[in-house]
Amino acid sequence: MTGTMIQHDVVDLLIEQHAQIRDLFGAVEAATGDARRDAFRRLVTLLAVHETAEEQVVRPLTRLSVDGGNQIADDRLAEEHDAKQTLATLEEMGPDAPEFPRLLDQLRVDVLDHASKEEAYEFRYLRRNVPAVQLRALTAAVKAAEAIAPTHPHPGVESATANTLAGPALSLFDRIKDLARKAISDNS
């Protein structure tokens, strides 16, 4: 990397994922049938792993590095809990259910509001208070957390401790469930 190139940090990565999430909401809303189911599965997975990584890496950093960080982290965790509940309901009902579009729109509004609050009330202060080299290094920590994160929502597992204790088992269960679903759909 040359001296003129800027390395991405954890904030850049998470903001890029926020854009991907926005795009996936649009893809789910615009699609029908199998395309909608596929787009929704991708949205569920991205939201699940993204939020788990934030809960494990970003929220503890916010608590330690930002004035009022405990309240900021608690507020974001409460939003994530509510979104996980809605996402779990959507996943259970499936994209063909009559209530799916209304509930998906509610989730979209809530998730995008949550992302906006993260960017305004958390990420900018992390950039101000945490050394750039540490923020760049945390990119790898977020990617590692995402690699082993559950792929489905688990309301009630929002803290770093809960994710550390329950996350590996939930992740294994989710990934087996994903493989089983794929095998069933491939044989249909």
N, C-alpha and C. Protein backbone atom coordinates (compact mmCIF):
# COMPACT_ATOMS: atom_id res chain seq x y z
N MET A 1 0.85 -1.17 0.00
CA MET A 1 0.00 0.00 0.00
C MET A 1 0.89 1.24 0.00
N THR A 2 0.60 2.16 -0.88
CA THR A 2 1.41 3.37 -0.96
C THR A 2 0.98 4.36 0.09
N GLY A 3 1.82 5.34 0.29
CA GLY A 3 1.53 6.36 1.28
C GLY A 3 0.33 7.21 0.92
N THR A 4 -0.05 7.24 -0.36
CA THR A 4 -1.18 8.06 -0.77
C THR A 4 -2.51 7.35 -0.65
N MET A 5 -2.47 6.03 -0.47
CA MET A 5 -3.72 5.28 -0.32
C MET A 5 -4.14 5.25 1.15
N ILE A 6 -5.42 5.36 1.37
CA ILE A 6 -5.94 5.32 2.73
C ILE A 6 -6.44 3.90 3.00
N GLN A 7 -5.99 3.34 4.11
CA GLN A 7 -6.46 2.01 4.49
C GLN A 7 -7.86 2.12 5.09
N HIS A 8 -8.68 1.15 4.76
CA HIS A 8 -10.02 1.10 5.36
C HIS A 8 -9.90 0.70 6.82
N ASP A 9 -10.79 1.26 7.62
CA ASP A 9 -10.83 0.88 9.02
C ASP A 9 -12.18 0.23 9.31
N VAL A 10 -12.39 -0.14 10.56
CA VAL A 10 -13.60 -0.84 10.95
C VAL A 10 -14.85 0.01 10.68
N VAL A 11 -14.75 1.31 10.84
CA VAL A 11 -15.89 2.17 10.57
C VAL A 11 -16.24 2.14 9.09
N ASP A 12 -15.23 2.22 8.23
CA ASP A 12 -15.48 2.13 6.78
C ASP A 12 -16.19 0.81 6.44
N LEU A 13 -15.68 -0.29 7.00
CA LEU A 13 -16.25 -1.60 6.73
C LEU A 13 -17.72 -1.65 7.14
N LEU A 14 -18.03 -1.17 8.32
CA LEU A 14 -19.41 -1.23 8.81
C LEU A 14 -20.33 -0.31 8.02
N ILE A 15 -19.84 0.85 7.61
CA ILE A 15 -20.66 1.75 6.79
C ILE A 15 -20.90 1.13 5.42
N GLU A 16 -19.91 0.45 4.86
CA GLU A 16 -20.11 -0.26 3.59
C GLU A 16 -21.17 -1.34 3.75
N GLN A 17 -21.14 -2.04 4.87
CA GLN A 17 -22.16 -3.05 5.11
C GLN A 17 -23.54 -2.44 5.28
N HIS A 18 -23.62 -1.25 5.87
CA HIS A 18 -24.91 -0.56 5.96
C HIS A 18 -25.47 -0.32 4.56
N ALA A 19 -24.61 0.07 3.62
CA ALA A 19 -25.05 0.29 2.24
C ALA A 19 -25.52 -1.03 1.61
N GLN A 20 -24.81 -2.12 1.88
CA GLN A 20 -25.22 -3.43 1.37
C GLN A 20 -26.57 -3.83 1.93
N ILE A 21 -26.79 -3.55 3.20
CA ILE A 21 -28.06 -3.86 3.83
C ILE A 21 -29.19 -3.06 3.18
N ARG A 22 -28.96 -1.76 2.94
CA ARG A 22 -29.96 -0.94 2.26
C ARG A 22 -30.30 -1.54 0.89
N ASP A 23 -29.25 -1.93 0.15
CA ASP A 23 -29.46 -2.51 -1.18
C ASP A 23 -30.24 -3.82 -1.10
N LEU A 24 -29.94 -4.65 -0.11
CA LEU A 24 -30.65 -5.92 0.03
C LEU A 24 -32.12 -5.72 0.39
N PHE A 25 -32.42 -4.72 1.21
CA PHE A 25 -33.83 -4.43 1.47
C PHE A 25 -34.54 -4.11 0.16
N GLY A 26 -33.90 -3.30 -0.68
CA GLY A 26 -34.49 -2.98 -1.98
C GLY A 26 -34.66 -4.21 -2.85
N ALA A 27 -33.68 -5.10 -2.83
CA ALA A 27 -33.76 -6.32 -3.64
C ALA A 27 -34.91 -7.22 -3.17
N VAL A 28 -35.08 -7.34 -1.85
CA VAL A 28 -36.17 -8.16 -1.32
C VAL A 28 -37.51 -7.54 -1.71
N GLU A 29 -37.63 -6.24 -1.54
CA GLU A 29 -38.89 -5.57 -1.84
C GLU A 29 -39.25 -5.64 -3.32
N ALA A 30 -38.25 -5.63 -4.20
CA ALA A 30 -38.50 -5.61 -5.64
C ALA A 30 -38.73 -7.00 -6.23
N ALA A 31 -38.28 -8.04 -5.55
CA ALA A 31 -38.32 -9.39 -6.10
C ALA A 31 -39.61 -10.12 -5.71
N THR A 32 -39.83 -11.23 -6.40
CA THR A 32 -40.94 -12.12 -6.08
C THR A 32 -40.44 -13.56 -6.14
N GLY A 33 -41.23 -14.47 -5.58
CA GLY A 33 -40.95 -15.90 -5.69
C GLY A 33 -39.59 -16.29 -5.14
N ASP A 34 -38.90 -17.15 -5.89
CA ASP A 34 -37.59 -17.66 -5.47
C ASP A 34 -36.56 -16.55 -5.34
N ALA A 35 -36.64 -15.56 -6.21
CA ALA A 35 -35.68 -14.44 -6.13
C ALA A 35 -35.86 -13.67 -4.83
N ARG A 36 -37.09 -13.52 -4.40
CA ARG A 36 -37.35 -12.83 -3.12
C ARG A 36 -36.84 -13.66 -1.95
N ARG A 37 -37.11 -14.97 -1.99
CA ARG A 37 -36.62 -15.84 -0.92
C ARG A 37 -35.10 -15.80 -0.83
N ASP A 38 -34.42 -15.83 -1.98
CA ASP A 38 -32.96 -15.80 -2.00
C ASP A 38 -32.44 -14.47 -1.46
N ALA A 39 -33.02 -13.36 -1.92
CA ALA A 39 -32.59 -12.04 -1.44
C ALA A 39 -32.85 -11.91 0.06
N PHE A 40 -33.98 -12.44 0.52
CA PHE A 40 -34.28 -12.36 1.95
C PHE A 40 -33.28 -13.19 2.76
N ARG A 41 -32.93 -14.38 2.29
CA ARG A 41 -31.92 -15.19 2.99
C ARG A 41 -30.59 -14.44 3.10
N ARG A 42 -30.20 -13.78 2.02
CA ARG A 42 -28.95 -13.00 2.05
C ARG A 42 -29.07 -11.85 3.05
N LEU A 43 -30.22 -11.19 3.10
CA LEU A 43 -30.44 -10.10 4.05
C LEU A 43 -30.37 -10.62 5.49
N VAL A 44 -31.04 -11.72 5.76
CA VAL A 44 -31.03 -12.30 7.11
C VAL A 44 -29.60 -12.60 7.54
N THR A 45 -28.85 -13.24 6.66
CA THR A 45 -27.47 -13.61 7.00
C THR A 45 -26.62 -12.38 7.25
N LEU A 46 -26.70 -11.40 6.35
CA LEU A 46 -25.87 -10.20 6.53
C LEU A 46 -26.24 -9.48 7.82
N LEU A 47 -27.52 -9.31 8.09
CA LEU A 47 -27.92 -8.63 9.33
C LEU A 47 -27.45 -9.40 10.55
N ALA A 48 -27.59 -10.71 10.53
CA ALA A 48 -27.20 -11.52 11.70
C ALA A 48 -25.70 -11.42 11.97
N VAL A 49 -24.89 -11.60 10.95
CA VAL A 49 -23.44 -11.58 11.19
C VAL A 49 -22.94 -10.17 11.47
N HIS A 50 -23.51 -9.18 10.80
CA HIS A 50 -23.12 -7.79 10.99
C HIS A 50 -23.39 -7.35 12.44
N GLU A 51 -24.59 -7.62 12.92
CA GLU A 51 -24.94 -7.19 14.27
C GLU A 51 -24.14 -7.95 15.32
N THR A 52 -23.90 -9.23 15.10
CA THR A 52 -23.09 -10.00 16.05
C THR A 52 -21.69 -9.40 16.16
N ALA A 53 -21.10 -9.09 15.03
CA ALA A 53 -19.74 -8.51 15.05
C ALA A 53 -19.74 -7.15 15.75
N GLU A 54 -20.74 -6.33 15.50
CA GLU A 54 -20.82 -5.05 16.20
C GLU A 54 -20.96 -5.27 17.70
N GLU A 55 -21.78 -6.23 18.09
CA GLU A 55 -21.99 -6.50 19.51
C GLU A 55 -20.71 -6.99 20.19
N GLN A 56 -19.91 -7.76 19.47
CA GLN A 56 -18.70 -8.32 20.05
C GLN A 56 -17.52 -7.36 20.03
N VAL A 57 -17.44 -6.52 19.01
CA VAL A 57 -16.25 -5.69 18.82
C VAL A 57 -16.53 -4.21 19.08
N VAL A 58 -17.56 -3.67 18.46
CA VAL A 58 -17.79 -2.22 18.47
C VAL A 58 -18.40 -1.75 19.79
N ARG A 59 -19.44 -2.44 20.27
CA ARG A 59 -20.08 -1.97 21.51
C ARG A 59 -19.10 -1.92 22.68
N PRO A 60 -18.27 -2.95 22.91
CA PRO A 60 -17.30 -2.83 24.01
C PRO A 60 -16.32 -1.67 23.81
N LEU A 61 -15.92 -1.43 22.57
CA LEU A 61 -15.01 -0.32 22.28
C LEU A 61 -15.70 1.01 22.58
N THR A 62 -16.96 1.12 22.22
CA THR A 62 -17.71 2.34 22.50
C THR A 62 -17.80 2.58 24.00
N ARG A 63 -18.08 1.54 24.75
CA ARG A 63 -18.17 1.67 26.21
C ARG A 63 -16.87 2.21 26.81
N LEU A 64 -15.75 1.76 26.27
CA LEU A 64 -14.44 2.15 26.81
C LEU A 64 -13.91 3.48 26.28
N SER A 65 -14.32 3.87 25.08
CA SER A 65 -13.64 4.97 24.39
C SER A 65 -14.44 6.24 24.20
N VAL A 66 -15.73 6.19 24.43
CA VAL A 66 -16.58 7.34 24.12
C VAL A 66 -17.25 7.83 25.39
N ASP A 67 -17.24 9.15 25.61
CA ASP A 67 -17.98 9.72 26.73
C ASP A 67 -19.45 9.35 26.57
N GLY A 68 -20.05 8.83 27.62
CA GLY A 68 -21.43 8.38 27.53
C GLY A 68 -21.56 7.08 26.76
N GLY A 69 -20.45 6.38 26.58
CA GLY A 69 -20.42 5.17 25.76
C GLY A 69 -21.33 4.06 26.26
N ASN A 70 -21.50 3.95 27.57
CA ASN A 70 -22.39 2.91 28.08
C ASN A 70 -23.82 3.11 27.60
N GLN A 71 -24.30 4.34 27.66
CA GLN A 71 -25.66 4.63 27.22
C GLN A 71 -25.80 4.46 25.71
N ILE A 72 -24.80 4.93 24.97
CA ILE A 72 -24.82 4.77 23.51
C ILE A 72 -24.89 3.29 23.16
N ALA A 73 -24.04 2.48 23.77
CA ALA A 73 -24.02 1.04 23.50
C ALA A 73 -25.34 0.40 23.90
N ASP A 74 -25.86 0.76 25.07
CA ASP A 74 -27.13 0.19 25.52
C ASP A 74 -28.26 0.53 24.56
N ASP A 75 -28.29 1.76 24.08
CA ASP A 75 -29.34 2.17 23.13
C ASP A 75 -29.25 1.37 21.84
N ARG A 76 -28.04 1.19 21.31
CA ARG A 76 -27.87 0.43 20.07
C ARG A 76 -28.24 -1.04 20.29
N LEU A 77 -27.88 -1.60 21.45
CA LEU A 77 -28.22 -3.00 21.74
C LEU A 77 -29.73 -3.20 21.84
N ALA A 78 -30.43 -2.24 22.42
CA ALA A 78 -31.90 -2.33 22.50
C ALA A 78 -32.51 -2.30 21.10
N GLU A 79 -31.98 -1.44 20.24
CA GLU A 79 -32.46 -1.39 18.85
C GLU A 79 -32.20 -2.72 18.15
N GLU A 80 -31.02 -3.27 18.37
CA GLU A 80 -30.67 -4.54 17.74
C GLU A 80 -31.57 -5.67 18.23
N HIS A 81 -31.88 -5.66 19.51
CA HIS A 81 -32.77 -6.68 20.05
C HIS A 81 -34.13 -6.61 19.36
N ASP A 82 -34.69 -5.42 19.25
CA ASP A 82 -35.99 -5.25 18.60
C ASP A 82 -35.94 -5.70 17.14
N ALA A 83 -34.87 -5.34 16.44
CA ALA A 83 -34.73 -5.73 15.04
C ALA A 83 -34.61 -7.25 14.90
N LYS A 84 -33.88 -7.87 15.82
CA LYS A 84 -33.74 -9.33 15.77
C LYS A 84 -35.09 -10.01 15.97
N GLN A 85 -35.91 -9.46 16.86
CA GLN A 85 -37.24 -10.04 17.07
C GLN A 85 -38.07 -9.95 15.80
N THR A 86 -38.06 -8.79 15.17
CA THR A 86 -38.83 -8.61 13.93
C THR A 86 -38.28 -9.51 12.83
N LEU A 87 -36.96 -9.57 12.71
CA LEU A 87 -36.34 -10.41 11.68
C LEU A 87 -36.68 -11.88 11.91
N ALA A 88 -36.67 -12.33 13.15
CA ALA A 88 -37.03 -13.72 13.46
C ALA A 88 -38.48 -13.99 13.08
N THR A 89 -39.36 -13.05 13.34
CA THR A 89 -40.77 -13.20 12.96
C THR A 89 -40.90 -13.28 11.44
N LEU A 90 -40.20 -12.41 10.73
CA LEU A 90 -40.23 -12.44 9.27
C LEU A 90 -39.70 -13.76 8.73
N GLU A 91 -38.61 -14.22 9.32
CA GLU A 91 -38.02 -15.48 8.86
C GLU A 91 -38.98 -16.64 9.10
N GLU A 92 -39.65 -16.63 10.24
CA GLU A 92 -40.61 -17.69 10.55
C GLU A 92 -41.80 -17.68 9.60
N MET A 93 -42.31 -16.48 9.28
CA MET A 93 -43.49 -16.40 8.42
C MET A 93 -43.15 -16.64 6.95
N GLY A 94 -41.95 -16.25 6.52
CA GLY A 94 -41.54 -16.44 5.13
C GLY A 94 -42.02 -15.32 4.23
N PRO A 95 -41.30 -15.13 3.12
CA PRO A 95 -41.58 -14.01 2.22
C PRO A 95 -42.91 -14.09 1.48
N ASP A 96 -43.59 -15.24 1.52
CA ASP A 96 -44.87 -15.37 0.82
C ASP A 96 -46.07 -15.02 1.70
N ALA A 97 -45.82 -14.79 2.98
CA ALA A 97 -46.92 -14.48 3.90
C ALA A 97 -47.52 -13.11 3.58
N PRO A 98 -48.83 -12.98 3.76
CA PRO A 98 -49.49 -11.71 3.45
C PRO A 98 -48.94 -10.51 4.25
N GLU A 99 -48.53 -10.74 5.50
CA GLU A 99 -48.03 -9.66 6.35
C GLU A 99 -46.55 -9.34 6.10
N PHE A 100 -45.87 -10.15 5.28
CA PHE A 100 -44.44 -9.98 5.08
C PHE A 100 -44.06 -8.58 4.58
N PRO A 101 -44.70 -8.04 3.55
CA PRO A 101 -44.29 -6.71 3.06
C PRO A 101 -44.39 -5.61 4.12
N ARG A 102 -45.48 -5.62 4.89
CA ARG A 102 -45.64 -4.59 5.92
C ARG A 102 -44.57 -4.72 7.00
N LEU A 103 -44.33 -5.92 7.46
CA LEU A 103 -43.35 -6.14 8.51
C LEU A 103 -41.93 -5.90 8.00
N LEU A 104 -41.67 -6.27 6.75
CA LEU A 104 -40.36 -6.00 6.15
C LEU A 104 -40.11 -4.49 6.07
N ASP A 105 -41.14 -3.74 5.69
CA ASP A 105 -40.99 -2.28 5.63
C ASP A 105 -40.70 -1.70 7.01
N GLN A 106 -41.39 -2.23 8.03
CA GLN A 106 -41.12 -1.78 9.41
C GLN A 106 -39.68 -2.09 9.79
N LEU A 107 -39.21 -3.29 9.47
CA LEU A 107 -37.83 -3.66 9.77
C LEU A 107 -36.85 -2.76 9.03
N ARG A 108 -37.14 -2.49 7.76
CA ARG A 108 -36.26 -1.62 6.97
C ARG A 108 -36.12 -0.26 7.63
N VAL A 109 -37.23 0.35 8.01
CA VAL A 109 -37.20 1.65 8.67
C VAL A 109 -36.38 1.58 9.96
N ASP A 110 -36.65 0.56 10.77
CA ASP A 110 -35.95 0.42 12.05
C ASP A 110 -34.45 0.18 11.87
N VAL A 111 -34.09 -0.69 10.94
CA VAL A 111 -32.67 -1.02 10.72
C VAL A 111 -31.92 0.18 10.15
N LEU A 112 -32.52 0.88 9.21
CA LEU A 112 -31.83 2.04 8.62
C LEU A 112 -31.73 3.19 9.62
N ASP A 113 -32.73 3.32 10.49
CA ASP A 113 -32.64 4.31 11.57
C ASP A 113 -31.52 3.93 12.54
N HIS A 114 -31.44 2.66 12.86
CA HIS A 114 -30.37 2.15 13.73
C HIS A 114 -29.00 2.42 13.12
N ALA A 115 -28.84 2.14 11.83
CA ALA A 115 -27.56 2.38 11.16
C ALA A 115 -27.21 3.86 11.17
N SER A 116 -28.21 4.70 10.95
CA SER A 116 -27.98 6.14 10.98
C SER A 116 -27.51 6.60 12.37
N LYS A 117 -28.12 6.05 13.41
CA LYS A 117 -27.72 6.40 14.78
C LYS A 117 -26.32 5.89 15.09
N GLU A 118 -25.97 4.70 14.60
CA GLU A 118 -24.61 4.21 14.79
C GLU A 118 -23.61 5.17 14.16
N GLU A 119 -23.89 5.58 12.95
CA GLU A 119 -22.97 6.45 12.23
C GLU A 119 -22.86 7.81 12.90
N ALA A 120 -23.98 8.34 13.41
CA ALA A 120 -23.98 9.68 14.00
C ALA A 120 -23.50 9.69 15.45
N TYR A 121 -23.92 8.72 16.25
CA TYR A 121 -23.68 8.78 17.68
C TYR A 121 -22.57 7.85 18.17
N GLU A 122 -22.09 7.00 17.31
CA GLU A 122 -21.09 6.04 17.75
C GLU A 122 -19.84 6.10 16.87
N PHE A 123 -20.00 5.85 15.59
CA PHE A 123 -18.85 5.73 14.71
C PHE A 123 -18.01 7.00 14.65
N ARG A 124 -18.65 8.15 14.57
CA ARG A 124 -17.86 9.39 14.46
C ARG A 124 -17.03 9.64 15.73
N TYR A 125 -17.57 9.23 16.88
CA TYR A 125 -16.81 9.39 18.13
C TYR A 125 -15.69 8.35 18.24
N LEU A 126 -15.94 7.17 17.71
CA LEU A 126 -14.85 6.19 17.68
C LEU A 126 -13.70 6.72 16.82
N ARG A 127 -14.03 7.30 15.68
CA ARG A 127 -12.99 7.88 14.82
C ARG A 127 -12.24 8.98 15.55
N ARG A 128 -12.93 9.75 16.37
CA ARG A 128 -12.32 10.87 17.08
C ARG A 128 -11.46 10.38 18.25
N ASN A 129 -11.89 9.31 18.93
CA ASN A 129 -11.27 8.91 20.20
C ASN A 129 -10.33 7.71 20.12
N VAL A 130 -10.42 6.93 19.07
CA VAL A 130 -9.63 5.70 18.96
C VAL A 130 -8.56 5.91 17.89
N PRO A 131 -7.31 5.57 18.19
CA PRO A 131 -6.25 5.75 17.20
C PRO A 131 -6.57 5.02 15.88
N ALA A 132 -6.23 5.66 14.78
CA ALA A 132 -6.52 5.11 13.45
C ALA A 132 -5.94 3.72 13.27
N VAL A 133 -4.76 3.49 13.79
CA VAL A 133 -4.14 2.17 13.64
C VAL A 133 -4.98 1.10 14.34
N GLN A 134 -5.58 1.43 15.48
CA GLN A 134 -6.44 0.48 16.18
C GLN A 134 -7.73 0.24 15.40
N LEU A 135 -8.31 1.29 14.84
CA LEU A 135 -9.52 1.13 14.04
C LEU A 135 -9.26 0.27 12.81
N ARG A 136 -8.09 0.43 12.20
CA ARG A 136 -7.74 -0.42 11.05
C ARG A 136 -7.58 -1.88 11.50
N ALA A 137 -6.93 -2.09 12.64
CA ALA A 137 -6.71 -3.44 13.14
C ALA A 137 -8.04 -4.12 13.50
N LEU A 138 -9.01 -3.35 13.95
CA LEU A 138 -10.30 -3.92 14.34
C LEU A 138 -11.10 -4.44 13.14
N THR A 139 -10.72 -4.04 11.94
CA THR A 139 -11.37 -4.58 10.74
C THR A 139 -11.22 -6.10 10.72
N ALA A 140 -10.03 -6.57 11.03
CA ALA A 140 -9.80 -8.02 11.06
C ALA A 140 -10.62 -8.68 12.16
N ALA A 141 -10.75 -8.02 13.30
CA ALA A 141 -11.54 -8.59 14.40
C ALA A 141 -13.01 -8.71 14.00
N VAL A 142 -13.55 -7.70 13.32
CA VAL A 142 -14.94 -7.75 12.88
C VAL A 142 -15.12 -8.87 11.85
N LYS A 143 -14.20 -8.97 10.91
CA LYS A 143 -14.31 -10.04 9.90
C LYS A 143 -14.22 -11.42 10.54
N ALA A 144 -13.37 -11.57 11.53
CA ALA A 144 -13.26 -12.85 12.23
C ALA A 144 -14.56 -13.15 12.98
N ALA A 145 -15.12 -12.15 13.65
CA ALA A 145 -16.38 -12.35 14.37
C ALA A 145 -17.50 -12.73 13.40
N GLU A 146 -17.52 -12.09 12.24
CA GLU A 146 -18.55 -12.41 11.24
C GLU A 146 -18.39 -13.82 10.69
N ALA A 147 -17.15 -14.28 10.57
CA ALA A 147 -16.90 -15.61 10.02
C ALA A 147 -17.46 -16.72 10.89
N ILE A 148 -17.57 -16.47 12.18
CA ILE A 148 -18.07 -17.51 13.08
C ILE A 148 -19.41 -17.13 13.72
N ALA A 149 -20.01 -16.07 13.25
CA ALA A 149 -21.27 -15.58 13.83
C ALA A 149 -22.45 -16.43 13.39
N PRO A 150 -23.49 -16.47 14.21
CA PRO A 150 -24.74 -17.12 13.78
C PRO A 150 -25.27 -16.44 12.52
N THR A 151 -25.94 -17.21 11.68
CA THR A 151 -26.45 -16.68 10.41
C THR A 151 -27.94 -16.38 10.45
N HIS A 152 -28.53 -16.49 11.63
CA HIS A 152 -29.94 -16.19 11.83
C HIS A 152 -30.08 -15.36 13.10
N PRO A 153 -31.16 -14.59 13.22
CA PRO A 153 -31.33 -13.75 14.41
C PRO A 153 -31.61 -14.58 15.65
N HIS A 154 -31.03 -14.15 16.75
CA HIS A 154 -31.25 -14.77 18.05
C HIS A 154 -31.52 -13.66 19.07
N PRO A 155 -32.78 -13.18 19.14
CA PRO A 155 -33.10 -12.13 20.10
C PRO A 155 -32.71 -12.56 21.52
N GLY A 156 -32.11 -11.64 22.25
CA GLY A 156 -31.67 -11.93 23.60
C GLY A 156 -30.19 -12.20 23.70
N VAL A 157 -29.53 -12.34 22.55
CA VAL A 157 -28.08 -12.56 22.52
C VAL A 157 -27.48 -11.30 21.89
N GLU A 158 -27.43 -10.22 22.70
CA GLU A 158 -26.92 -8.96 22.17
C GLU A 158 -25.64 -8.47 22.81
N SER A 159 -25.23 -9.01 23.89
CA SER A 159 -24.01 -8.50 24.53
C SER A 159 -22.79 -9.26 24.04
N ALA A 160 -21.63 -8.66 24.22
CA ALA A 160 -20.39 -9.34 23.84
C ALA A 160 -20.26 -10.65 24.61
N THR A 161 -20.61 -10.64 25.88
CA THR A 161 -20.52 -11.85 26.70
C THR A 161 -21.47 -12.92 26.18
N ALA A 162 -22.70 -12.55 25.94
CA ALA A 162 -23.69 -13.52 25.44
C ALA A 162 -23.26 -14.09 24.09
N ASN A 163 -22.73 -13.22 23.22
CA ASN A 163 -22.26 -13.70 21.92
C ASN A 163 -21.06 -14.64 22.07
N THR A 164 -20.19 -14.34 23.00
CA THR A 164 -19.03 -15.20 23.22
C THR A 164 -19.44 -16.55 23.77
N LEU A 165 -20.40 -16.55 24.70
CA LEU A 165 -20.82 -17.81 25.32
C LEU A 165 -21.75 -18.62 24.42
N ALA A 166 -22.75 -17.99 23.85
CA ALA A 166 -23.75 -18.72 23.07
C ALA A 166 -23.46 -18.73 21.58
N GLY A 167 -22.71 -17.74 21.12
CA GLY A 167 -22.48 -17.58 19.69
C GLY A 167 -21.96 -18.80 18.96
N PRO A 168 -20.90 -19.46 19.45
CA PRO A 168 -20.39 -20.61 18.70
C PRO A 168 -21.41 -21.73 18.52
N ALA A 169 -22.16 -22.06 19.56
CA ALA A 169 -23.17 -23.11 19.44
C ALA A 169 -24.29 -22.67 18.49
N LEU A 170 -24.74 -21.42 18.62
CA LEU A 170 -25.78 -20.92 17.74
C LEU A 170 -25.30 -20.89 16.29
N SER A 171 -24.06 -20.49 16.10
CA SER A 171 -23.48 -20.45 14.76
C SER A 171 -23.45 -21.83 14.13
N LEU A 172 -23.00 -22.81 14.87
CA LEU A 172 -22.95 -24.18 14.36
C LEU A 172 -24.36 -24.65 14.01
N PHE A 173 -25.32 -24.42 14.90
CA PHE A 173 -26.70 -24.81 14.64
C PHE A 173 -27.22 -24.12 13.38
N ASP A 174 -26.99 -22.81 13.27
CA ASP A 174 -27.47 -22.05 12.11
C ASP A 174 -26.86 -22.55 10.81
N ARG A 175 -25.58 -22.82 10.83
CA ARG A 175 -24.90 -23.25 9.61
C ARG A 175 -25.34 -24.65 9.19
N ILE A 176 -25.63 -25.52 10.15
CA ILE A 176 -26.18 -26.83 9.81
C ILE A 176 -27.58 -26.67 9.22
N LYS A 177 -28.37 -25.79 9.83
CA LYS A 177 -29.72 -25.51 9.32
C LYS A 177 -29.64 -24.95 7.89
N ASP A 178 -28.69 -24.06 7.64
CA ASP A 178 -28.52 -23.51 6.29
C ASP A 178 -28.17 -24.60 5.28
N LEU A 179 -27.26 -25.50 5.67
CA LEU A 179 -26.87 -26.60 4.78
C LEU A 179 -28.05 -27.53 4.49
N ALA A 180 -28.84 -27.81 5.52
CA ALA A 180 -30.01 -28.67 5.33
C ALA A 180 -31.02 -28.02 4.39
N ARG A 181 -31.26 -26.74 4.59
CA ARG A 181 -32.19 -26.03 3.69
C ARG A 181 -31.69 -26.04 2.25
N LYS A 182 -30.39 -25.83 2.10
CA LYS A 182 -29.80 -25.84 0.75
C LYS A 182 -29.94 -27.21 0.12
N ALA A 183 -29.67 -28.26 0.87
CA ALA A 183 -29.78 -29.61 0.35
C ALA A 183 -31.23 -29.92 -0.07
N ILE A 184 -32.17 -29.49 0.75
CA ILE A 184 -33.58 -29.71 0.44
C ILE A 184 -33.97 -28.95 -0.82
N SER A 185 -33.56 -27.69 -0.92
CA SER A 185 -33.93 -26.89 -2.11
C SER A 185 -33.21 -27.39 -3.35
N ASP A 186 -31.99 -27.91 -3.21
CA ASP A 186 -31.27 -28.45 -4.37
C ASP A 186 -31.92 -29.73 -4.90
N ASN A 187 -32.58 -30.48 -4.01
CA ASN A 187 -33.23 -31.73 -4.41
C ASN A 187 -34.68 -31.56 -4.82
N SER A 188 -35.19 -30.33 -4.70
CA SER A 188 -36.59 -30.07 -5.06
C SER A 188 -36.74 -29.86 -6.55
